[in-house]
Amino acid sequence: MSYEITGTLIAKFDTQVINDRFKKREFAIETKDNSNYSNFVKMQLTQAKCDLLDAYQLGDEVKVSFDVRGNKWEKNGVTNYITNLDAWRIQKAGNEDNRAAFTQPQAAPNVIPDAPSSFVPDAPFDNDLPF
């Protein structure tokens, strides 16, 4: 399941190479809810997505699409649970999409458009309806 969050980019960290098959880059955003309290959310980008963060500066308002991922980790008989917020898209806040939005023009209700003044029917009007 995917989620979205909007906030101010407040921290960008260096890319960490965990092993030859995995790398991650963490960042943090600040959000405010209706009570005016700040929330600080730390997220991560993985693999080729680590470079997505390069296009943004601290202080930018961003909209982040992410997934919630969790792992179970056991060591010395103790079980730990790790939750990650894996970002997969970052964009400037307010930019919904790069695609053009196509909308149908709205006609005024109960208005029939006039025929062009050059309109001449091809054949004489013949009402052959059965009713």
Protein backbone atom coordinates (compact mmCIF):
# COMPACT_ATOMS: atom_id res chain seq x y z
CA MET A 1 0.00 0.00 0.00
CA SER A 2 1.32 3.45 -0.92
CA TYR A 3 1.05 6.67 1.04
CA GLU A 4 1.82 10.34 0.41
CA ILE A 5 3.04 13.05 2.74
CA THR A 6 3.85 16.71 2.15
CA GLY A 7 6.34 18.73 4.15
CA THR A 8 9.52 20.79 4.21
CA LEU A 9 12.81 19.04 3.45
CA ILE A 10 14.94 19.66 6.55
CA ALA A 11 17.77 17.09 6.28
CA LYS A 12 19.58 15.13 3.56
CA PHE A 13 22.09 12.46 4.50
CA ASP A 14 24.83 10.81 2.45
CA THR A 15 24.22 7.56 0.62
CA GLN A 16 25.21 4.53 2.71
CA VAL A 17 26.50 1.45 0.91
CA ILE A 18 25.38 -1.45 3.12
CA ASN A 19 26.87 -4.16 0.88
CA ASP A 20 27.59 -4.72 -2.81
CA ARG A 21 23.86 -5.30 -3.49
CA PHE A 22 22.20 -2.65 -1.30
CA LYS A 23 22.51 1.09 -0.70
CA LYS A 24 20.23 3.63 0.96
CA ARG A 25 19.95 7.36 1.52
CA GLU A 26 17.97 8.88 4.35
CA PHE A 27 16.26 12.27 4.57
CA ALA A 28 13.83 14.04 6.88
CA ILE A 29 10.84 16.28 6.34
CA GLU A 30 8.91 18.46 8.75
CA THR A 31 5.12 18.42 8.64
CA LYS A 32 2.56 20.34 10.64
CA ASP A 33 -0.85 19.07 11.58
CA ASN A 34 -3.93 21.11 12.42
CA SER A 35 -2.66 21.69 15.98
CA ASN A 36 0.45 23.55 14.68
CA TYR A 37 2.77 20.98 16.22
CA SER A 38 5.66 19.88 14.04
CA ASN A 39 6.23 16.27 13.13
CA PHE A 40 9.64 15.17 11.95
CA VAL A 41 9.54 12.19 9.60
CA LYS A 42 12.68 10.30 8.59
CA MET A 43 12.44 8.34 5.33
CA GLN A 44 14.78 6.46 3.06
CA LEU A 45 15.47 5.98 -0.63
CA THR A 46 17.06 2.75 -1.83
CA GLN A 47 19.17 1.58 -4.75
CA ALA A 48 18.88 3.78 -7.91
CA LYS A 49 16.33 6.04 -6.21
CA CYS A 50 19.03 7.48 -3.91
CA ASP A 51 19.78 10.09 -6.58
CA LEU A 52 16.21 11.47 -6.56
CA LEU A 53 17.10 13.67 -3.58
CA ASP A 54 19.82 15.56 -5.50
CA ALA A 55 17.20 17.70 -7.29
CA TYR A 56 15.96 19.26 -4.02
CA GLN A 57 17.40 21.77 -1.56
CA LEU A 58 16.85 22.10 2.17
CA GLY A 59 13.74 24.20 2.74
CA ASP A 60 11.92 22.95 -0.38
CA GLU A 61 8.28 21.93 0.05
CA VAL A 62 8.06 18.36 -1.22
CA LYS A 63 5.44 15.70 -1.69
CA VAL A 64 6.79 12.19 -1.04
CA SER A 65 5.18 8.95 -2.16
CA PHE A 66 6.26 6.02 -0.01
CA ASP A 67 5.56 2.49 1.21
CA VAL A 68 5.70 1.20 4.78
CA ARG A 69 8.08 -1.76 5.08
CA GLY A 70 8.73 -3.85 8.18
CA ASN A 71 11.20 -6.55 9.15
CA LYS A 72 11.60 -8.90 12.05
CA TRP A 73 15.12 -9.26 13.41
CA GLU A 74 16.26 -11.75 16.06
CA LYS A 75 19.59 -11.73 17.88
CA ASN A 76 20.60 -13.45 21.12
CA GLY A 77 17.03 -14.55 21.75
CA VAL A 78 15.66 -11.00 21.50
CA THR A 79 13.18 -10.15 18.76
CA ASN A 80 13.18 -6.65 17.30
CA TYR A 81 10.89 -5.13 14.69
CA ILE A 82 12.16 -2.55 12.26
CA THR A 83 9.85 -0.24 10.29
CA ASN A 84 11.07 1.77 7.28
CA LEU A 85 9.32 4.42 5.23
CA ASP A 86 10.61 3.65 1.73
CA ALA A 87 10.19 6.63 -0.57
CA TRP A 88 9.84 5.90 -4.27
CA ARG A 89 8.91 9.34 -5.64
CA ILE A 90 9.68 12.92 -4.60
CA GLN A 91 8.21 15.97 -6.28
CA LYS A 92 7.71 19.64 -5.53
CA ALA A 93 4.61 20.19 -3.42
CA GLY A 94 1.68 21.40 -5.49
CA ASN A 95 2.81 19.65 -8.70
CA GLU A 96 0.32 16.83 -8.95
CA ASP A 97 1.64 15.39 -12.15
CA ASN A 98 3.77 16.26 -15.15
CA ARG A 99 1.09 15.04 -17.54
CA ALA A 100 -1.34 17.56 -18.99
CA ALA A 101 -4.79 17.44 -17.50
CA PHE A 102 -7.51 17.16 -20.11
CA THR A 103 -10.98 18.24 -19.09
CA GLN A 104 -14.19 18.26 -21.04
CA PRO A 105 -15.49 21.79 -21.70
CA GLN A 106 -18.64 22.46 -19.74
CA ALA A 107 -21.67 23.66 -21.68
CA ALA A 108 -24.19 25.92 -20.05
CA PRO A 109 -27.13 23.85 -18.78
CA ASN A 110 -30.27 23.68 -20.97
CA VAL A 111 -28.70 25.67 -23.81
CA ILE A 112 -28.81 24.36 -27.35
CA PRO A 113 -26.03 25.75 -29.52
CA ASP A 114 -27.11 27.68 -32.62
CA ALA A 115 -26.43 26.23 -36.03
CA PRO A 116 -23.82 28.11 -38.03
CA SER A 117 -25.29 30.74 -40.33
CA SER A 118 -23.91 28.87 -43.36
CA PHE A 119 -25.80 25.67 -42.51
CA VAL A 120 -27.95 24.39 -45.36
CA PRO A 121 -29.44 20.90 -45.15
CA ASP A 122 -28.47 18.49 -47.94
CA ALA A 123 -31.96 17.17 -48.49
CA PRO A 124 -35.42 18.45 -47.76
CA PHE A 125 -36.67 17.64 -44.28
CA ASP A 126 -38.78 14.49 -44.36
CA ASN A 127 -40.33 13.30 -41.14
CA ASP A 128 -40.49 9.53 -41.55
CA LEU A 129 -40.65 8.67 -37.86
CA PRO A 130 -43.30 6.04 -37.01
CA PHE A 131 -44.86 8.03 -34.20
